[in-house]
Amino acid sequence: MSRSEMSSFDSCFLGPFLLIANQYLGVIVDEYFMLWFCFVSSSFSANILQLIHMVVLTGLLTGRVTLNGHLAVMKVRTDPICSVCGEEDETSVHFLGKCPATIMDKHSSLGSYFLRLDELCCIQPHALMRFVRASKRFK
């Protein structure tokens, strides 16, 4: 849970707000239809890019992402070697901490050329996503 202020309106508050306004103003709108309207409108107005970022971050943190190491385990690829540097298996740890082909992106986004496993645990998600975008590995 975050204690920081919200920088924009969160659509999840639309339903409760409309329910309170409906009861306070005495407007006769069926609550069932109002909540369905709120659900549909918030689903379509959700930022799809944030959803994609969450999927990529979750995949990187769990190791189940479209890197050659995981694709070789799933038998989608035959070669687990990193397609960018060609030095070792392309896993999340290699991509985030060891890959020499992404050291400039890593340094500009995360402040270090190479990262150890204990350092990877302390990286903030927004900084990690900045590095992922800079590396252009997941499009």
N, C-alpha and C. Protein backbone atom coordinates (compact mmCIF):
# COMPACT_ATOMS: atom_id res chain seq x y z
N MET A 1 0.84 -1.18 0.00
CA MET A 1 0.00 0.00 0.00
C MET A 1 0.88 1.23 0.00
N SER A 2 0.53 2.20 -0.79
CA SER A 2 1.32 3.41 -0.94
C SER A 2 0.69 4.55 -0.16
N ARG A 3 1.54 5.40 0.39
CA ARG A 3 1.04 6.57 1.11
C ARG A 3 1.16 7.83 0.27
N SER A 4 1.61 7.69 -0.95
CA SER A 4 1.77 8.87 -1.80
C SER A 4 0.43 9.32 -2.37
N GLU A 5 0.38 10.58 -2.75
CA GLU A 5 -0.85 11.13 -3.30
C GLU A 5 -1.11 10.55 -4.68
N MET A 6 -2.38 10.49 -5.03
CA MET A 6 -2.75 10.04 -6.37
C MET A 6 -2.57 11.21 -7.33
N SER A 7 -1.91 10.94 -8.44
CA SER A 7 -1.64 12.02 -9.38
C SER A 7 -2.77 12.20 -10.40
N SER A 8 -3.63 11.21 -10.52
CA SER A 8 -4.75 11.32 -11.44
C SER A 8 -5.95 10.58 -10.88
N PHE A 9 -7.09 10.76 -11.51
CA PHE A 9 -8.31 10.12 -11.06
C PHE A 9 -8.23 8.62 -11.32
N ASP A 10 -8.57 7.83 -10.31
CA ASP A 10 -8.58 6.39 -10.47
C ASP A 10 -10.02 5.97 -10.76
N SER A 11 -10.22 5.26 -11.85
CA SER A 11 -11.57 4.92 -12.27
C SER A 11 -12.27 3.94 -11.34
N CYS A 12 -11.54 3.30 -10.42
CA CYS A 12 -12.19 2.38 -9.49
C CYS A 12 -13.07 3.13 -8.48
N PHE A 13 -12.88 4.45 -8.34
CA PHE A 13 -13.71 5.23 -7.43
C PHE A 13 -14.99 5.74 -8.06
N LEU A 14 -15.17 5.49 -9.34
CA LEU A 14 -16.36 5.98 -10.04
C LEU A 14 -17.63 5.33 -9.51
N GLY A 15 -17.61 4.01 -9.33
CA GLY A 15 -18.80 3.28 -8.85
C GLY A 15 -19.27 3.75 -7.48
N PRO A 16 -18.38 3.73 -6.46
CA PRO A 16 -18.81 4.21 -5.15
C PRO A 16 -19.27 5.67 -5.15
N PHE A 17 -18.60 6.50 -5.94
CA PHE A 17 -19.01 7.90 -6.02
C PHE A 17 -20.42 8.04 -6.59
N LEU A 18 -20.72 7.31 -7.67
CA LEU A 18 -22.05 7.39 -8.26
C LEU A 18 -23.12 6.80 -7.35
N LEU A 19 -22.78 5.76 -6.59
CA LEU A 19 -23.75 5.20 -5.64
C LEU A 19 -24.08 6.22 -4.55
N ILE A 20 -23.07 6.88 -4.02
CA ILE A 20 -23.30 7.89 -2.98
C ILE A 20 -24.09 9.06 -3.55
N ALA A 21 -23.72 9.52 -4.75
CA ALA A 21 -24.45 10.62 -5.37
C ALA A 21 -25.89 10.23 -5.66
N ASN A 22 -26.12 8.99 -6.09
CA ASN A 22 -27.47 8.51 -6.37
C ASN A 22 -28.32 8.52 -5.11
N GLN A 23 -27.77 8.07 -3.99
CA GLN A 23 -28.52 8.04 -2.74
C GLN A 23 -28.71 9.43 -2.17
N TYR A 24 -27.69 10.29 -2.26
CA TYR A 24 -27.77 11.62 -1.70
C TYR A 24 -28.74 12.51 -2.47
N LEU A 25 -28.69 12.43 -3.79
CA LEU A 25 -29.54 13.28 -4.61
C LEU A 25 -30.93 12.69 -4.82
N GLY A 26 -31.10 11.45 -4.46
CA GLY A 26 -32.40 10.82 -4.60
C GLY A 26 -32.77 10.52 -6.03
N VAL A 27 -31.79 10.39 -6.89
CA VAL A 27 -32.03 10.06 -8.30
C VAL A 27 -32.40 8.58 -8.37
N ILE A 28 -33.42 8.29 -9.15
CA ILE A 28 -33.87 6.91 -9.22
C ILE A 28 -33.23 6.25 -10.42
N VAL A 29 -32.04 5.75 -10.20
CA VAL A 29 -31.32 4.98 -11.20
C VAL A 29 -31.01 3.64 -10.55
N ASP A 30 -31.34 2.58 -11.24
CA ASP A 30 -31.11 1.26 -10.69
C ASP A 30 -29.61 1.06 -10.43
N GLU A 31 -29.26 0.69 -9.21
CA GLU A 31 -27.86 0.55 -8.83
C GLU A 31 -27.16 -0.55 -9.63
N TYR A 32 -27.90 -1.57 -10.00
CA TYR A 32 -27.33 -2.67 -10.77
C TYR A 32 -26.79 -2.17 -12.11
N PHE A 33 -27.60 -1.39 -12.81
CA PHE A 33 -27.17 -0.85 -14.10
C PHE A 33 -26.07 0.19 -13.93
N MET A 34 -26.12 0.95 -12.86
CA MET A 34 -25.10 1.96 -12.61
C MET A 34 -23.74 1.30 -12.38
N LEU A 35 -23.72 0.23 -11.60
CA LEU A 35 -22.46 -0.45 -11.34
C LEU A 35 -21.91 -1.14 -12.59
N TRP A 36 -22.81 -1.69 -13.42
CA TRP A 36 -22.35 -2.28 -14.68
C TRP A 36 -21.78 -1.20 -15.59
N PHE A 37 -22.41 -0.05 -15.63
CA PHE A 37 -21.89 1.06 -16.41
C PHE A 37 -20.49 1.45 -15.93
N CYS A 38 -20.32 1.54 -14.62
CA CYS A 38 -19.01 1.91 -14.07
C CYS A 38 -17.96 0.86 -14.39
N PHE A 39 -18.36 -0.41 -14.29
CA PHE A 39 -17.42 -1.49 -14.59
C PHE A 39 -16.96 -1.44 -16.05
N VAL A 40 -17.91 -1.29 -16.95
CA VAL A 40 -17.57 -1.27 -18.38
C VAL A 40 -16.76 -0.03 -18.72
N SER A 41 -17.15 1.13 -18.20
CA SER A 41 -16.42 2.35 -18.53
C SER A 41 -15.01 2.34 -17.95
N SER A 42 -14.83 1.79 -16.75
CA SER A 42 -13.48 1.75 -16.18
C SER A 42 -12.63 0.69 -16.87
N SER A 43 -13.25 -0.36 -17.37
CA SER A 43 -12.49 -1.39 -18.09
C SER A 43 -11.95 -0.85 -19.40
N PHE A 44 -12.76 -0.08 -20.10
CA PHE A 44 -12.31 0.45 -21.38
C PHE A 44 -11.39 1.65 -21.22
N SER A 45 -11.51 2.36 -20.12
CA SER A 45 -10.65 3.52 -19.94
C SER A 45 -9.36 3.16 -19.23
N ALA A 46 -9.19 1.90 -18.86
CA ALA A 46 -7.96 1.48 -18.19
C ALA A 46 -6.78 1.64 -19.14
N ASN A 47 -5.67 1.99 -18.58
CA ASN A 47 -4.49 2.21 -19.39
C ASN A 47 -3.88 0.85 -19.73
N ILE A 48 -4.03 0.43 -20.99
CA ILE A 48 -3.55 -0.86 -21.44
C ILE A 48 -2.03 -0.94 -21.33
N LEU A 49 -1.36 0.19 -21.51
CA LEU A 49 0.09 0.20 -21.42
C LEU A 49 0.56 -0.19 -20.02
N GLN A 50 -0.13 0.27 -18.98
CA GLN A 50 0.22 -0.11 -17.63
C GLN A 50 0.04 -1.61 -17.42
N LEU A 51 -0.98 -2.18 -18.02
CA LEU A 51 -1.21 -3.62 -17.91
C LEU A 51 -0.06 -4.38 -18.57
N ILE A 52 0.38 -3.93 -19.71
CA ILE A 52 1.50 -4.58 -20.39
C ILE A 52 2.76 -4.45 -19.55
N HIS A 53 2.99 -3.30 -18.94
CA HIS A 53 4.15 -3.11 -18.07
C HIS A 53 4.10 -4.08 -16.90
N MET A 54 2.94 -4.26 -16.31
CA MET A 54 2.81 -5.18 -15.17
C MET A 54 3.08 -6.61 -15.60
N VAL A 55 2.64 -6.99 -16.78
CA VAL A 55 2.88 -8.34 -17.28
C VAL A 55 4.38 -8.57 -17.49
N VAL A 56 5.06 -7.58 -18.08
CA VAL A 56 6.50 -7.71 -18.32
C VAL A 56 7.27 -7.75 -17.00
N LEU A 57 6.93 -6.86 -16.06
CA LEU A 57 7.62 -6.85 -14.77
C LEU A 57 7.40 -8.15 -14.01
N THR A 58 6.17 -8.64 -14.01
CA THR A 58 5.89 -9.90 -13.33
C THR A 58 6.67 -11.04 -13.97
N GLY A 59 6.73 -11.05 -15.28
CA GLY A 59 7.50 -12.07 -15.98
C GLY A 59 8.98 -12.00 -15.66
N LEU A 60 9.53 -10.79 -15.59
CA LEU A 60 10.95 -10.65 -15.26
C LEU A 60 11.24 -11.10 -13.83
N LEU A 61 10.37 -10.76 -12.92
CA LEU A 61 10.60 -11.11 -11.52
C LEU A 61 10.42 -12.60 -11.26
N THR A 62 9.57 -13.26 -12.02
CA THR A 62 9.35 -14.69 -11.83
C THR A 62 10.19 -15.55 -12.76
N GLY A 63 10.82 -14.93 -13.75
CA GLY A 63 11.62 -15.67 -14.70
C GLY A 63 10.82 -16.27 -15.84
N ARG A 64 9.54 -16.00 -15.88
CA ARG A 64 8.67 -16.52 -16.94
C ARG A 64 8.31 -15.41 -17.90
N VAL A 65 9.26 -15.11 -18.75
CA VAL A 65 9.12 -14.03 -19.70
C VAL A 65 9.75 -14.49 -21.02
N THR A 66 9.50 -13.77 -22.08
CA THR A 66 9.96 -14.22 -23.40
C THR A 66 11.45 -13.98 -23.61
N LEU A 67 12.25 -14.53 -22.73
CA LEU A 67 13.69 -14.56 -22.91
C LEU A 67 14.07 -15.97 -23.33
N ASN A 68 15.17 -16.11 -24.05
CA ASN A 68 15.53 -17.40 -24.63
C ASN A 68 15.68 -18.51 -23.60
N GLY A 69 16.14 -18.19 -22.39
CA GLY A 69 16.29 -19.21 -21.37
C GLY A 69 14.97 -19.86 -21.02
N HIS A 70 13.94 -19.07 -20.83
CA HIS A 70 12.62 -19.61 -20.49
C HIS A 70 11.97 -20.27 -21.71
N LEU A 71 12.17 -19.68 -22.88
CA LEU A 71 11.59 -20.27 -24.09
C LEU A 71 12.22 -21.63 -24.40
N ALA A 72 13.49 -21.82 -24.06
CA ALA A 72 14.13 -23.12 -24.25
C ALA A 72 13.57 -24.15 -23.28
N VAL A 73 13.28 -23.74 -22.06
CA VAL A 73 12.66 -24.65 -21.09
C VAL A 73 11.28 -25.07 -21.57
N MET A 74 10.55 -24.15 -22.18
CA MET A 74 9.21 -24.46 -22.69
C MET A 74 9.26 -25.18 -24.03
N LYS A 75 10.45 -25.43 -24.57
CA LYS A 75 10.64 -26.11 -25.86
C LYS A 75 10.14 -25.29 -27.04
N VAL A 76 10.09 -23.95 -26.88
CA VAL A 76 9.72 -23.07 -27.98
C VAL A 76 10.97 -22.74 -28.80
N ARG A 77 12.09 -22.59 -28.12
CA ARG A 77 13.38 -22.35 -28.76
C ARG A 77 14.33 -23.50 -28.41
N THR A 78 15.30 -23.69 -29.26
CA THR A 78 16.27 -24.75 -28.97
C THR A 78 17.51 -24.20 -28.28
N ASP A 79 17.81 -22.93 -28.50
CA ASP A 79 19.03 -22.34 -27.96
C ASP A 79 18.70 -21.34 -26.86
N PRO A 80 19.14 -21.58 -25.60
CA PRO A 80 18.86 -20.64 -24.52
C PRO A 80 19.83 -19.46 -24.44
N ILE A 81 20.82 -19.41 -25.33
CA ILE A 81 21.86 -18.36 -25.28
C ILE A 81 21.25 -17.01 -25.61
N CYS A 82 21.77 -15.98 -24.95
CA CYS A 82 21.30 -14.60 -25.15
C CYS A 82 21.46 -14.20 -26.62
N SER A 83 20.40 -13.72 -27.21
CA SER A 83 20.43 -13.33 -28.62
C SER A 83 21.14 -12.00 -28.84
N VAL A 84 21.37 -11.24 -27.78
CA VAL A 84 22.01 -9.94 -27.92
C VAL A 84 23.52 -10.02 -27.75
N CYS A 85 23.97 -10.68 -26.67
CA CYS A 85 25.41 -10.74 -26.42
C CYS A 85 26.01 -12.10 -26.77
N GLY A 86 25.23 -13.17 -26.70
CA GLY A 86 25.70 -14.51 -27.04
C GLY A 86 26.65 -15.12 -26.05
N GLU A 87 26.69 -14.61 -24.81
CA GLU A 87 27.66 -15.09 -23.83
C GLU A 87 27.15 -16.20 -22.92
N GLU A 88 25.92 -16.10 -22.45
CA GLU A 88 25.38 -17.11 -21.55
C GLU A 88 23.87 -17.21 -21.74
N ASP A 89 23.24 -18.12 -20.98
CA ASP A 89 21.79 -18.30 -21.10
C ASP A 89 21.07 -16.99 -20.79
N GLU A 90 20.08 -16.69 -21.61
CA GLU A 90 19.32 -15.44 -21.44
C GLU A 90 18.20 -15.67 -20.44
N THR A 91 18.50 -15.41 -19.18
CA THR A 91 17.52 -15.49 -18.11
C THR A 91 17.22 -14.08 -17.62
N SER A 92 16.30 -13.97 -16.68
CA SER A 92 15.99 -12.65 -16.12
C SER A 92 17.21 -12.06 -15.41
N VAL A 93 17.94 -12.89 -14.68
CA VAL A 93 19.12 -12.41 -13.96
C VAL A 93 20.17 -11.93 -14.96
N HIS A 94 20.36 -12.66 -16.03
CA HIS A 94 21.33 -12.24 -17.05
C HIS A 94 20.88 -10.94 -17.71
N PHE A 95 19.62 -10.86 -18.11
CA PHE A 95 19.12 -9.67 -18.79
C PHE A 95 19.20 -8.44 -17.88
N LEU A 96 18.79 -8.59 -16.63
CA LEU A 96 18.75 -7.43 -15.73
C LEU A 96 20.10 -7.07 -15.14
N GLY A 97 20.97 -8.07 -14.93
CA GLY A 97 22.19 -7.77 -14.20
C GLY A 97 23.49 -7.97 -14.92
N LYS A 98 23.58 -8.92 -15.86
CA LYS A 98 24.87 -9.32 -16.38
C LYS A 98 25.12 -9.05 -17.86
N CYS A 99 24.09 -8.84 -18.64
CA CYS A 99 24.24 -8.75 -20.10
C CYS A 99 25.10 -7.54 -20.49
N PRO A 100 26.26 -7.78 -21.12
CA PRO A 100 27.12 -6.66 -21.50
C PRO A 100 26.57 -5.82 -22.65
N ALA A 101 25.62 -6.36 -23.39
CA ALA A 101 25.06 -5.61 -24.52
C ALA A 101 24.13 -4.49 -24.08
N THR A 102 23.66 -4.55 -22.85
CA THR A 102 22.71 -3.53 -22.37
C THR A 102 23.30 -2.67 -21.25
N ILE A 103 24.64 -2.62 -21.16
CA ILE A 103 25.21 -1.91 -20.01
C ILE A 103 24.97 -0.41 -20.05
N MET A 104 24.91 0.19 -21.22
CA MET A 104 24.68 1.63 -21.28
C MET A 104 23.24 1.97 -20.90
N ASP A 105 22.28 1.16 -21.37
CA ASP A 105 20.88 1.35 -20.97
C ASP A 105 20.72 1.10 -19.48
N LYS A 106 21.42 0.10 -18.99
CA LYS A 106 21.35 -0.24 -17.56
C LYS A 106 21.91 0.89 -16.71
N HIS A 107 23.04 1.45 -17.15
CA HIS A 107 23.66 2.53 -16.38
C HIS A 107 22.79 3.79 -16.39
N SER A 108 22.23 4.12 -17.53
CA SER A 108 21.41 5.34 -17.60
C SER A 108 20.08 5.17 -16.86
N SER A 109 19.54 3.96 -16.79
CA SER A 109 18.25 3.73 -16.14
C SER A 109 18.36 3.35 -14.68
N LEU A 110 19.36 2.52 -14.36
CA LEU A 110 19.46 1.98 -13.00
C LEU A 110 20.67 2.49 -12.23
N GLY A 111 21.58 3.19 -12.90
CA GLY A 111 22.72 3.78 -12.20
C GLY A 111 23.91 2.87 -12.01
N SER A 112 23.90 1.70 -12.63
CA SER A 112 25.02 0.78 -12.49
C SER A 112 25.19 0.00 -13.80
N TYR A 113 26.44 -0.37 -14.10
CA TYR A 113 26.69 -1.12 -15.33
C TYR A 113 26.29 -2.58 -15.18
N PHE A 114 26.65 -3.18 -14.05
CA PHE A 114 26.29 -4.57 -13.77
C PHE A 114 25.67 -4.62 -12.38
N LEU A 115 24.70 -5.51 -12.20
CA LEU A 115 23.99 -5.62 -10.92
C LEU A 115 24.08 -7.05 -10.42
N ARG A 116 24.36 -7.18 -9.12
CA ARG A 116 24.34 -8.50 -8.48
C ARG A 116 22.90 -8.85 -8.13
N LEU A 117 22.69 -10.12 -7.80
CA LEU A 117 21.34 -10.59 -7.48
C LEU A 117 20.76 -9.86 -6.28
N ASP A 118 21.57 -9.59 -5.25
CA ASP A 118 21.06 -8.87 -4.08
C ASP A 118 20.72 -7.42 -4.40
N GLU A 119 21.38 -6.83 -5.40
CA GLU A 119 21.06 -5.47 -5.82
C GLU A 119 19.78 -5.43 -6.65
N LEU A 120 19.51 -6.51 -7.40
CA LEU A 120 18.30 -6.56 -8.21
C LEU A 120 17.05 -6.54 -7.34
N CYS A 121 17.14 -7.08 -6.14
CA CYS A 121 15.98 -7.12 -5.25
C CYS A 121 15.57 -5.74 -4.75
N CYS A 122 16.46 -4.78 -4.82
CA CYS A 122 16.19 -3.46 -4.26
C CYS A 122 15.76 -2.42 -5.30
N ILE A 123 15.66 -2.81 -6.55
CA ILE A 123 15.33 -1.86 -7.61
C ILE A 123 13.84 -1.55 -7.58
N GLN A 124 13.51 -0.29 -7.70
CA GLN A 124 12.12 0.14 -7.75
C GLN A 124 11.49 -0.26 -9.09
N PRO A 125 10.20 -0.63 -9.10
CA PRO A 125 9.56 -1.07 -10.35
C PRO A 125 9.61 -0.04 -11.47
N HIS A 126 9.45 1.25 -11.15
CA HIS A 126 9.47 2.26 -12.21
C HIS A 126 10.86 2.37 -12.85
N ALA A 127 11.92 2.20 -12.06
CA ALA A 127 13.27 2.22 -12.62
C ALA A 127 13.52 0.98 -13.47
N LEU A 128 13.01 -0.14 -13.02
CA LEU A 128 13.13 -1.38 -13.79
C LEU A 128 12.41 -1.26 -15.13
N MET A 129 11.23 -0.67 -15.12
CA MET A 129 10.48 -0.51 -16.35
C MET A 129 11.15 0.50 -17.28
N ARG A 130 11.81 1.50 -16.72
CA ARG A 130 12.56 2.46 -17.53
C ARG A 130 13.69 1.74 -18.28
N PHE A 131 14.37 0.81 -17.58
CA PHE A 131 15.43 0.04 -18.23
C PHE A 131 14.86 -0.88 -19.31
N VAL A 132 13.73 -1.52 -19.03
CA VAL A 132 13.11 -2.43 -20.01
C VAL A 132 12.74 -1.66 -21.27
N ARG A 133 12.16 -0.47 -21.10
CA ARG A 133 11.82 0.36 -22.27
C ARG A 133 13.06 0.80 -23.03
N ALA A 134 14.12 1.17 -22.30
CA ALA A 134 15.35 1.63 -22.95
C ALA A 134 16.04 0.50 -23.71
N SER A 135 15.94 -0.72 -23.21
CA SER A 135 16.60 -1.85 -23.87
C SER A 135 15.87 -2.30 -25.13
N LYS A 136 14.60 -1.94 -25.25
CA LYS A 136 13.76 -2.31 -26.41
C LYS A 136 13.71 -3.82 -26.64
N ARG A 137 13.88 -4.58 -25.57
CA ARG A 137 13.86 -6.05 -25.68
C ARG A 137 12.44 -6.59 -25.79
N PHE A 138 11.49 -5.99 -25.10
CA PHE A 138 10.11 -6.45 -25.12
C PHE A 138 9.28 -5.39 -25.82
N LYS A 139 8.82 -5.70 -27.02
CA LYS A 139 8.05 -4.71 -27.78
C LYS A 139 6.62 -5.12 -27.87
